[in-house]
Amino acid sequence: MSNETEKKAYKGKSITVTFEARRCLHAAECVHGLPEVFAPGERPWIRPDGAEAERLAEVVRRCPSGALQYELVD
């Protein structure tokens, strides 16, 4: 499976964010919404512990393509 088709998971203490590159429309809702979590120039580019889980979930829900998803950790 190539990098473009797989869903990559970024695990935080209370939330896991997944990203599917091939679905991304580069609307940058994530980057503008939480630049402290989403930093495209860095690796890893998603740092889930950079913000409160509820706030991060709110920004992920704004993703127009559905490339970003999240799951709250119990």
PDB file of N, CA and C in Angstrom:
ATOM      1  N   MET A   1       0.837  -1.192   0.000  1.00  0.00           N
ATOM      2  CA  MET A   1       0.000   0.000   0.000  1.00  0.00           C
ATOM      3  C   MET A   1       0.879   1.251   0.000  1.00  0.00           C
ATOM      4  N   SER A   2       0.598   2.174  -0.866  1.00  0.00           N
ATOM      5  CA  SER A   2       1.412   3.389  -0.928  1.00  0.00           C
ATOM      6  C   SER A   2       0.989   4.367   0.160  1.00  0.00           C
ATOM      7  N   ASN A   3       1.848   5.322   0.428  1.00  0.00           N
ATOM      8  CA  ASN A   3       1.589   6.347   1.434  1.00  0.00           C
ATOM      9  C   ASN A   3       0.333   7.147   1.158  1.00  0.00           C
ATOM     10  N   GLU A   4       0.007   7.327  -0.119  1.00  0.00           N
ATOM     11  CA  GLU A   4      -1.139   8.146  -0.494  1.00  0.00           C
ATOM     12  C   GLU A   4      -2.480   7.515  -0.139  1.00  0.00           C
ATOM     13  N   THR A   5      -2.539   6.194  -0.034  1.00  0.00           N
ATOM     14  CA  THR A   5      -3.826   5.539   0.191  1.00  0.00           C
ATOM     15  C   THR A   5      -4.044   5.134   1.642  1.00  0.00           C
ATOM     16  N   GLU A   6      -3.016   5.119   2.433  1.00  0.00           N
ATOM     17  CA  GLU A   6      -3.244   4.668   3.797  1.00  0.00           C
ATOM     18  C   GLU A   6      -3.671   5.787   4.729  1.00  0.00           C
ATOM     19  N   LYS A   7      -4.378   5.374   5.768  1.00  0.00           N
ATOM     20  CA  LYS A   7      -4.832   6.301   6.790  1.00  0.00           C
ATOM     21  C   LYS A   7      -3.795   6.255   7.903  1.00  0.00           C
ATOM     22  N   LYS A   8      -3.244   7.393   8.263  1.00  0.00           N
ATOM     23  CA  LYS A   8      -2.211   7.443   9.288  1.00  0.00           C
ATOM     24  C   LYS A   8      -2.819   7.941  10.599  1.00  0.00           C
ATOM     25  N   ALA A   9      -2.468   7.286  11.697  1.00  0.00           N
ATOM     26  CA  ALA A   9      -3.008   7.644  13.005  1.00  0.00           C
ATOM     27  C   ALA A   9      -1.984   8.399  13.843  1.00  0.00           C
ATOM     28  N   TYR A  10      -2.448   9.449  14.494  1.00  0.00           N
ATOM     29  CA  TYR A  10      -1.619  10.248  15.388  1.00  0.00           C
ATOM     30  C   TYR A  10      -2.275  10.166  16.755  1.00  0.00           C
ATOM     31  N   LYS A  11      -1.660   9.401  17.652  1.00  0.00           N
ATOM     32  CA  LYS A  11      -2.261   9.143  18.963  1.00  0.00           C
ATOM     33  C   LYS A  11      -1.825  10.155  20.012  1.00  0.00           C
ATOM     34  N   GLY A  12      -2.827  10.688  20.698  1.00  0.00           N
ATOM     35  CA  GLY A  12      -2.574  11.599  21.808  1.00  0.00           C
ATOM     36  C   GLY A  12      -3.065  10.947  23.087  1.00  0.00           C
ATOM     37  N   LYS A  13      -2.940  11.647  24.201  1.00  0.00           N
ATOM     38  CA  LYS A  13      -3.381  11.093  25.485  1.00  0.00           C
ATOM     39  C   LYS A  13      -4.896  10.872  25.526  1.00  0.00           C
ATOM     40  N   SER A  14      -5.670  11.827  24.970  1.00  0.00           N
ATOM     41  CA  SER A  14      -7.121  11.690  25.068  1.00  0.00           C
ATOM     42  C   SER A  14      -7.856  11.690  23.733  1.00  0.00           C
ATOM     43  N   ILE A  15      -7.094  11.787  22.627  1.00  0.00           N
ATOM     44  CA  ILE A  15      -7.716  11.766  21.303  1.00  0.00           C
ATOM     45  C   ILE A  15      -6.715  11.216  20.287  1.00  0.00           C
ATOM     46  N   THR A  16      -7.231  10.471  19.325  1.00  0.00           N
ATOM     47  CA  THR A  16      -6.413   9.992  18.211  1.00  0.00           C
ATOM     48  C   THR A  16      -6.980  10.614  16.943  1.00  0.00           C
ATOM     49  N   VAL A  17      -6.103  11.222  16.150  1.00  0.00           N
ATOM     50  CA  VAL A  17      -6.512  11.845  14.894  1.00  0.00           C
ATOM     51  C   VAL A  17      -5.967  10.992  13.756  1.00  0.00           C
ATOM     52  N   THR A  18      -6.814  10.694  12.776  1.00  0.00           N
ATOM     53  CA  THR A  18      -6.331   9.969  11.603  1.00  0.00           C
ATOM     54  C   THR A  18      -6.391  10.901  10.394  1.00  0.00           C
ATOM     55  N   PHE A  19      -5.462  10.660   9.468  1.00  0.00           N
ATOM     56  CA  PHE A  19      -5.358  11.487   8.269  1.00  0.00           C
ATOM     57  C   PHE A  19      -5.200  10.601   7.048  1.00  0.00           C
ATOM     58  N   GLU A  20      -6.030  10.850   6.050  1.00  0.00           N
ATOM     59  CA  GLU A  20      -5.993  10.115   4.801  1.00  0.00           C
ATOM     60  C   GLU A  20      -5.582  11.097   3.693  1.00  0.00           C
ATOM     61  N   ALA A  21      -4.299  11.075   3.323  1.00  0.00           N
ATOM     62  CA  ALA A  21      -3.724  12.062   2.398  1.00  0.00           C
ATOM     63  C   ALA A  21      -4.473  12.172   1.069  1.00  0.00           C
ATOM     64  N   ARG A  22      -4.908  11.039   0.515  1.00  0.00           N
ATOM     65  CA  ARG A  22      -5.534  11.083  -0.816  1.00  0.00           C
ATOM     66  C   ARG A  22      -6.880  11.798  -0.810  1.00  0.00           C
ATOM     67  N   ARG A  23      -7.493  11.962   0.368  1.00  0.00           N
ATOM     68  CA  ARG A  23      -8.781  12.662   0.453  1.00  0.00           C
ATOM     69  C   ARG A  23      -8.617  14.157   0.711  1.00  0.00           C
ATOM     70  N   CYS A  24      -7.423  14.570   1.110  1.00  0.00           N
ATOM     71  CA  CYS A  24      -7.187  15.956   1.518  1.00  0.00           C
ATOM     72  C   CYS A  24      -7.347  16.935   0.355  1.00  0.00           C
ATOM     73  N   LEU A  25      -8.132  17.995   0.581  1.00  0.00           N
ATOM     74  CA  LEU A  25      -8.364  19.036  -0.425  1.00  0.00           C
ATOM     75  C   LEU A  25      -7.500  20.272  -0.159  1.00  0.00           C
ATOM     76  N   HIS A  26      -6.690  20.217   0.884  1.00  0.00           N
ATOM     77  CA  HIS A  26      -5.806  21.325   1.257  1.00  0.00           C
ATOM     78  C   HIS A  26      -6.569  22.628   1.507  1.00  0.00           C
ATOM     79  N   ALA A  27      -7.729  22.505   2.127  1.00  0.00           N
ATOM     80  CA  ALA A  27      -8.520  23.686   2.494  1.00  0.00           C
ATOM     81  C   ALA A  27      -7.871  24.405   3.677  1.00  0.00           C
ATOM     82  N   ALA A  28      -7.009  23.700   4.407  1.00  0.00           N
ATOM     83  CA  ALA A  28      -6.246  24.236   5.546  1.00  0.00           C
ATOM     84  C   ALA A  28      -7.109  24.665   6.724  1.00  0.00           C
ATOM     85  N   GLU A  29      -8.331  24.127   6.819  1.00  0.00           N
ATOM     86  CA  GLU A  29      -9.186  24.415   7.982  1.00  0.00           C
ATOM     87  C   GLU A  29      -8.467  24.006   9.271  1.00  0.00           C
ATOM     88  N   CYS A  30      -7.766  22.884   9.219  1.00  0.00           N
ATOM     89  CA  CYS A  30      -7.066  22.369  10.396  1.00  0.00           C
ATOM     90  C   CYS A  30      -5.923  23.304  10.805  1.00  0.00           C
ATOM     91  N   VAL A  31      -5.103  23.675   9.829  1.00  0.00           N
ATOM     92  CA  VAL A  31      -3.944  24.524  10.089  1.00  0.00           C
ATOM     93  C   VAL A  31      -4.370  25.891  10.622  1.00  0.00           C
ATOM     94  N   HIS A  32      -5.417  26.476  10.012  1.00  0.00           N
ATOM     95  CA  HIS A  32      -5.898  27.778  10.484  1.00  0.00           C
ATOM     96  C   HIS A  32      -6.593  27.657  11.832  1.00  0.00           C
ATOM     97  N   GLY A  33      -7.297  26.538  12.048  1.00  0.00           N
ATOM     98  CA  GLY A  33      -8.038  26.344  13.294  1.00  0.00           C
ATOM     99  C   GLY A  33      -7.161  26.084  14.503  1.00  0.00           C
ATOM    100  N   LEU A  34      -6.119  25.281  14.334  1.00  0.00           N
ATOM    101  CA  LEU A  34      -5.231  24.935  15.450  1.00  0.00           C
ATOM    102  C   LEU A  34      -3.789  24.779  14.961  1.00  0.00           C
ATOM    103  N   PRO A  35      -3.120  25.887  14.686  1.00  0.00           N
ATOM    104  CA  PRO A  35      -1.735  25.792  14.200  1.00  0.00           C
ATOM    105  C   PRO A  35      -0.782  25.136  15.197  1.00  0.00           C
ATOM    106  N   GLU A  36      -1.161  25.123  16.481  1.00  0.00           N
ATOM    107  CA  GLU A  36      -0.308  24.484  17.487  1.00  0.00           C
ATOM    108  C   GLU A  36      -0.383  22.954  17.404  1.00  0.00           C
ATOM    109  N   VAL A  37      -1.390  22.433  16.713  1.00  0.00           N
ATOM    110  CA  VAL A  37      -1.546  20.989  16.531  1.00  0.00           C
ATOM    111  C   VAL A  37      -1.149  20.572  15.117  1.00  0.00           C
ATOM    112  N   PHE A  38      -1.598  21.341  14.124  1.00  0.00           N
ATOM    113  CA  PHE A  38      -1.363  21.002  12.718  1.00  0.00           C
ATOM    114  C   PHE A  38      -0.250  21.868  12.134  1.00  0.00           C
ATOM    115  N   ALA A  39       0.921  21.279  11.932  1.00  0.00           N
ATOM    116  CA  ALA A  39       2.084  22.002  11.406  1.00  0.00           C
ATOM    117  C   ALA A  39       2.644  21.236  10.211  1.00  0.00           C
ATOM    118  N   PRO A  40       2.133  21.536   9.000  1.00  0.00           N
ATOM    119  CA  PRO A  40       2.505  20.780   7.796  1.00  0.00           C
ATOM    120  C   PRO A  40       3.995  20.705   7.507  1.00  0.00           C
ATOM    121  N   GLY A  41       4.763  21.676   7.940  1.00  0.00           N
ATOM    122  CA  GLY A  41       6.198  21.670   7.677  1.00  0.00           C
ATOM    123  C   GLY A  41       7.009  20.823   8.636  1.00  0.00           C
ATOM    124  N   GLU A  42       6.354  20.265   9.648  1.00  0.00           N
ATOM    125  CA  GLU A  42       7.060  19.497  10.670  1.00  0.00           C
ATOM    126  C   GLU A  42       6.671  18.032  10.632  1.00  0.00           C
ATOM    127  N   ARG A  43       7.479  17.190  11.288  1.00  0.00           N
ATOM    128  CA  ARG A  43       7.162  15.770  11.410  1.00  0.00           C
ATOM    129  C   ARG A  43       7.241  15.382  12.872  1.00  0.00           C
ATOM    130  N   PRO A  44       6.245  14.752  13.474  1.00  0.00           N
ATOM    131  CA  PRO A  44       4.944  14.524  12.850  1.00  0.00           C
ATOM    132  C   PRO A  44       4.197  15.850  12.672  1.00  0.00           C
ATOM    133  N   TRP A  45       3.412  15.949  11.631  1.00  0.00           N
ATOM    134  CA  TRP A  45       2.735  17.231  11.365  1.00  0.00           C
ATOM    135  C   TRP A  45       1.465  17.421  12.182  1.00  0.00           C
ATOM    136  N   ILE A  46       0.970  16.328  12.791  1.00  0.00           N
ATOM    137  CA  ILE A  46      -0.191  16.432  13.685  1.00  0.00           C
ATOM    138  C   ILE A  46       0.265  16.046  15.086  1.00  0.00           C
ATOM    139  N   ARG A  47       0.068  16.960  16.041  1.00  0.00           N
ATOM    140  CA  ARG A  47       0.438  16.707  17.432  1.00  0.00           C
ATOM    141  C   ARG A  47      -0.811  16.842  18.302  1.00  0.00           C
ATOM    142  N   PRO A  48      -1.550  15.732  18.473  1.00  0.00           N
ATOM    143  CA  PRO A  48      -2.845  15.748  19.168  1.00  0.00           C
ATOM    144  C   PRO A  48      -2.810  16.300  20.597  1.00  0.00           C
ATOM    145  N   ASP A  49      -1.675  16.202  21.270  1.00  0.00           N
ATOM    146  CA  ASP A  49      -1.614  16.705  22.644  1.00  0.00           C
ATOM    147  C   ASP A  49      -1.363  18.209  22.709  1.00  0.00           C
ATOM    148  N   GLY A  50      -1.342  18.865  21.541  1.00  0.00           N
ATOM    149  CA  GLY A  50      -1.102  20.305  21.493  1.00  0.00           C
ATOM    150  C   GLY A  50      -2.320  21.145  21.833  1.00  0.00           C
ATOM    151  N   ALA A  51      -3.475  20.499  21.994  1.00  0.00           N
ATOM    152  CA  ALA A  51      -4.707  21.218  22.337  1.00  0.00           C
ATOM    153  C   ALA A  51      -5.637  20.285  23.098  1.00  0.00           C
ATOM    154  N   GLU A  52      -6.630  20.868  23.736  1.00  0.00           N
ATOM    155  CA  GLU A  52      -7.641  20.103  24.459  1.00  0.00           C
ATOM    156  C   GLU A  52      -8.411  19.235  23.448  1.00  0.00           C
ATOM    157  N   ALA A  53      -8.694  17.999  23.829  1.00  0.00           N
ATOM    158  CA  ALA A  53      -9.339  17.037  22.930  1.00  0.00           C
ATOM    159  C   ALA A  53     -10.633  17.560  22.310  1.00  0.00           C
ATOM    160  N   GLU A  54     -11.486  18.206  23.111  1.00  0.00           N
ATOM    161  CA  GLU A  54     -12.758  18.708  22.593  1.00  0.00           C
ATOM    162  C   GLU A  54     -12.554  19.779  21.530  1.00  0.00           C
ATOM    163  N   ARG A  55     -11.600  20.650  21.749  1.00  0.00           N
ATOM    164  CA  ARG A  55     -11.286  21.724  20.799  1.00  0.00           C
ATOM    165  C   ARG A  55     -10.729  21.116  19.505  1.00  0.00           C
ATOM    166  N   LEU A  56      -9.858  20.133  19.650  1.00  0.00           N
ATOM    167  CA  LEU A  56      -9.277  19.467  18.490  1.00  0.00           C
ATOM    168  C   LEU A  56     -10.356  18.744  17.685  1.00  0.00           C
ATOM    169  N   ALA A  57     -11.266  18.068  18.368  1.00  0.00           N
ATOM    170  CA  ALA A  57     -12.364  17.368  17.695  1.00  0.00           C
ATOM    171  C   ALA A  57     -13.210  18.351  16.899  1.00  0.00           C
ATOM    172  N   GLU A  58     -13.444  19.523  17.466  1.00  0.00           N
ATOM    173  CA  GLU A  58     -14.234  20.569  16.807  1.00  0.00           C
ATOM    174  C   GLU A  58     -13.569  21.013  15.494  1.00  0.00           C
ATOM    175  N   VAL A  59     -12.258  21.192  15.523  1.00  0.00           N
ATOM    176  CA  VAL A  59     -11.529  21.605  14.325  1.00  0.00           C
ATOM    177  C   VAL A  59     -11.492  20.470  13.288  1.00  0.00           C
ATOM    178  N   VAL A  60     -11.306  19.242  13.738  1.00  0.00           N
ATOM    179  CA  VAL A  60     -11.291  18.093  12.820  1.00  0.00           C
ATOM    180  C   VAL A  60     -12.641  17.965  12.100  1.00  0.00           C
ATOM    181  N   ARG A  61     -13.734  18.237  12.810  1.00  0.00           N
ATOM    182  CA  ARG A  61     -15.069  18.152  12.189  1.00  0.00           C
ATOM    183  C   ARG A  61     -15.257  19.177  11.076  1.00  0.00           C
ATOM    184  N   ARG A  62     -14.439  20.230  11.049  1.00  0.00           N
ATOM    185  CA  ARG A  62     -14.518  21.250   9.997  1.00  0.00           C
ATOM    186  C   ARG A  62     -13.864  20.811   8.692  1.00  0.00           C
ATOM    187  N   CYS A  63     -13.140  19.707   8.704  1.00  0.00           N
ATOM    188  CA  CYS A  63     -12.424  19.239   7.516  1.00  0.00           C
ATOM    189  C   CYS A  63     -13.435  18.929   6.414  1.00  0.00           C
ATOM    190  N   PRO A  64     -13.405  19.696   5.299  1.00  0.00           N
ATOM    191  CA  PRO A  64     -14.425  19.534   4.260  1.00  0.00           C
ATOM    192  C   PRO A  64     -14.354  18.220   3.485  1.00  0.00           C
ATOM    193  N   SER A  65     -13.195  17.588   3.465  1.00  0.00           N
ATOM    194  CA  SER A  65     -13.036  16.367   2.668  1.00  0.00           C
ATOM    195  C   SER A  65     -13.225  15.094   3.467  1.00  0.00           C
ATOM    196  N   GLY A  66     -13.164  15.202   4.799  1.00  0.00           N
ATOM    197  CA  GLY A  66     -13.225  14.006   5.632  1.00  0.00           C
ATOM    198  C   GLY A  66     -11.876  13.305   5.726  1.00  0.00           C
ATOM    199  N   ALA A  67     -10.817  13.953   5.235  1.00  0.00           N
ATOM    200  CA  ALA A  67      -9.476  13.365   5.313  1.00  0.00           C
ATOM    201  C   ALA A  67      -9.041  13.212   6.770  1.00  0.00           C
ATOM    202  N   LEU A  68      -9.494  14.131   7.599  1.00  0.00           N
ATOM    203  CA  LEU A  68      -9.195  14.069   9.036  1.00  0.00           C
ATOM    204  C   LEU A  68     -10.398  13.470   9.753  1.00  0.00           C
ATOM    205  N   GLN A  69     -10.125  12.550  10.659  1.00  0.00           N
ATOM    206  CA  GLN A  69     -11.144  11.950  11.515  1.00  0.00           C
ATOM    207  C   GLN A  69     -10.547  11.906  12.918  1.00  0.00           C
ATOM    208  N   TYR A  70     -11.388  11.670  13.914  1.00  0.00           N
ATOM    209  CA  TYR A  70     -10.840  11.550  15.260  1.00  0.00           C
ATOM    210  C   TYR A  70     -11.615  10.513  16.041  1.00  0.00           C
ATOM    211  N   GLU A  71     -10.972  10.057  17.096  1.00  0.00           N
ATOM    212  CA  GLU A  71     -11.597   9.113  18.019  1.00  0.00           C
ATOM    213  C   GLU A  71     -11.125   9.507  19.415  1.00  0.00           C
ATOM    214  N   LEU A  72     -12.076   9.722  20.310  1.00  0.00           N
ATOM    215  CA  LEU A  72     -11.724  10.067  21.674  1.00  0.00           C
ATOM    216  C   LEU A  72     -11.298   8.793  22.396  1.00  0.00           C
ATOM    217  N   VAL A  73     -10.248   8.899  23.191  1.00  0.00           N
ATOM    218  CA  VAL A  73      -9.742   7.770  23.954  1.00  0.00           C
ATOM    219  C   VAL A  73     -10.468   7.741  25.297  1.00  0.00           C
ATOM    220  N   ASP A  74     -10.967   6.586  25.674  1.00  0.00           N
ATOM    221  CA  ASP A  74     -11.701   6.477  26.950  1.00  0.00           C
ATOM    222  C   ASP A  74     -10.739   6.442  28.124  1.00  0.00           C
TER     223      ASP A  74
END
